[in-house]
Amino acid sequence: MNIIDVFWQYLHDYHPKLVQKDWFMDSNVIHRTDLKSHAVKETIPTGINYLKCNVFFYEGGTKNIVFLIQDERGVNNIVIGLLKNGELVHSISL
């Protein structure tokens, strides 16, 4: 399943009230130490240092960010979750 499908499936299953927002997306390869949220860092398996971090966001209102973290090449999905104002609300390992 591609990242867009994973994102929409996650929203429909866990946060249906956010489906109607106009979402934007950004993607970067980062080092695991670049992750700001300690709770998100804990979801990354040991031994994986470089990650592809896909961030979905919308403008206005509460600062909700959906993140999808993959291996560096973007082949394997690792975790997807929702941050609200920088705090981890919900995540699932993939």
Protein backbone atom coordinates (compact mmCIF):
# COMPACT_ATOMS: atom_id res chain seq x y z
CA MET A 1 0.00 0.00 0.00
CA ASN A 2 1.43 3.43 -0.91
CA ILE A 3 1.87 6.20 1.68
CA ILE A 4 -1.22 8.12 0.60
CA ASP A 5 -3.40 5.03 0.97
CA VAL A 6 -1.86 4.28 4.39
CA PHE A 7 -2.50 7.87 5.48
CA TRP A 8 -6.18 7.88 4.40
CA GLN A 9 -6.82 4.44 5.87
CA TYR A 10 -5.35 5.60 9.19
CA LEU A 11 -7.54 8.72 9.23
CA HIS A 12 -10.71 6.83 8.32
CA ASP A 13 -10.05 4.14 10.95
CA TYR A 14 -8.79 6.24 13.88
CA HIS A 15 -9.56 9.93 13.29
CA PRO A 16 -12.59 10.23 10.98
CA LYS A 17 -13.29 13.82 12.07
CA LEU A 18 -10.05 14.87 10.37
CA VAL A 19 -10.87 13.36 6.98
CA GLN A 20 -12.55 16.54 5.72
CA LYS A 21 -9.44 18.71 6.18
CA ASP A 22 -7.31 19.87 3.24
CA TRP A 23 -4.07 18.03 3.96
CA PHE A 24 -0.57 18.89 2.73
CA MET A 25 2.41 16.56 2.79
CA ASP A 26 6.17 16.86 3.18
CA SER A 27 8.78 14.13 3.18
CA ASN A 28 12.42 14.02 4.30
CA VAL A 29 15.06 11.48 5.22
CA ILE A 30 16.16 12.18 8.78
CA HIS A 31 18.34 10.64 11.48
CA ARG A 32 16.41 9.13 14.38
CA THR A 33 18.01 11.70 16.72
CA ASP A 34 16.19 14.43 14.74
CA LEU A 35 12.85 13.21 16.07
CA LYS A 36 11.66 15.69 18.72
CA SER A 37 9.02 13.52 20.38
CA HIS A 38 10.46 10.99 22.81
CA ALA A 39 7.27 8.93 22.50
CA VAL A 40 7.72 8.72 18.71
CA LYS A 41 11.41 7.76 19.09
CA GLU A 42 10.34 4.82 21.24
CA THR A 43 8.27 3.41 18.36
CA ILE A 44 11.33 3.08 16.08
CA PRO A 45 13.02 -0.34 16.19
CA THR A 46 16.59 -0.40 17.51
CA GLY A 47 19.23 -0.41 14.80
CA ILE A 48 17.35 1.82 12.36
CA ASN A 49 19.10 5.18 12.27
CA TYR A 50 17.94 6.83 9.06
CA LEU A 51 14.23 7.17 8.42
CA LYS A 52 11.96 8.57 5.78
CA CYS A 53 9.55 10.80 7.64
CA ASN A 54 6.34 11.71 5.82
CA VAL A 55 4.41 14.48 7.53
CA PHE A 56 0.80 15.34 6.73
CA PHE A 57 -0.58 18.65 8.01
CA TYR A 58 -3.25 21.27 7.40
CA GLU A 59 -3.41 24.98 8.04
CA GLY A 60 -5.51 26.59 10.74
CA GLY A 61 -7.11 25.38 13.93
CA THR A 62 -5.50 22.82 16.22
CA LYS A 63 -2.03 21.77 15.18
CA ASN A 64 -2.66 18.15 14.17
CA ILE A 65 0.13 16.37 12.34
CA VAL A 66 -0.02 12.82 11.04
CA PHE A 67 3.37 11.21 10.57
CA LEU A 68 4.27 8.07 8.66
CA ILE A 69 7.77 6.79 9.30
CA GLN A 70 9.38 4.37 6.89
CA ASP A 71 12.81 2.87 6.40
CA GLU A 72 15.31 5.15 4.66
CA ARG A 73 14.36 3.95 1.18
CA GLY A 74 10.63 4.32 1.82
CA VAL A 75 9.97 0.64 1.19
CA ASN A 76 8.81 -0.56 4.61
CA ASN A 77 6.28 1.29 6.75
CA ILE A 78 7.27 1.37 10.43
CA VAL A 79 4.76 3.51 12.32
CA ILE A 80 1.98 6.02 11.70
CA GLY A 81 0.52 8.33 14.29
CA LEU A 82 -1.11 11.60 15.22
CA LEU A 83 0.60 14.45 17.06
CA LYS A 84 -1.62 17.16 18.52
CA ASN A 85 0.25 20.34 19.46
CA GLY A 86 3.47 18.31 19.53
CA GLU A 87 2.14 15.57 21.83
CA LEU A 88 1.65 12.00 20.64
CA VAL A 89 -2.07 11.20 20.70
CA HIS A 90 -2.12 7.85 18.95
CA SER A 91 0.19 5.63 16.91
CA ILE A 92 0.23 2.15 15.47
CA SER A 93 3.14 0.02 14.36
CA LEU A 94 2.84 -1.18 10.79
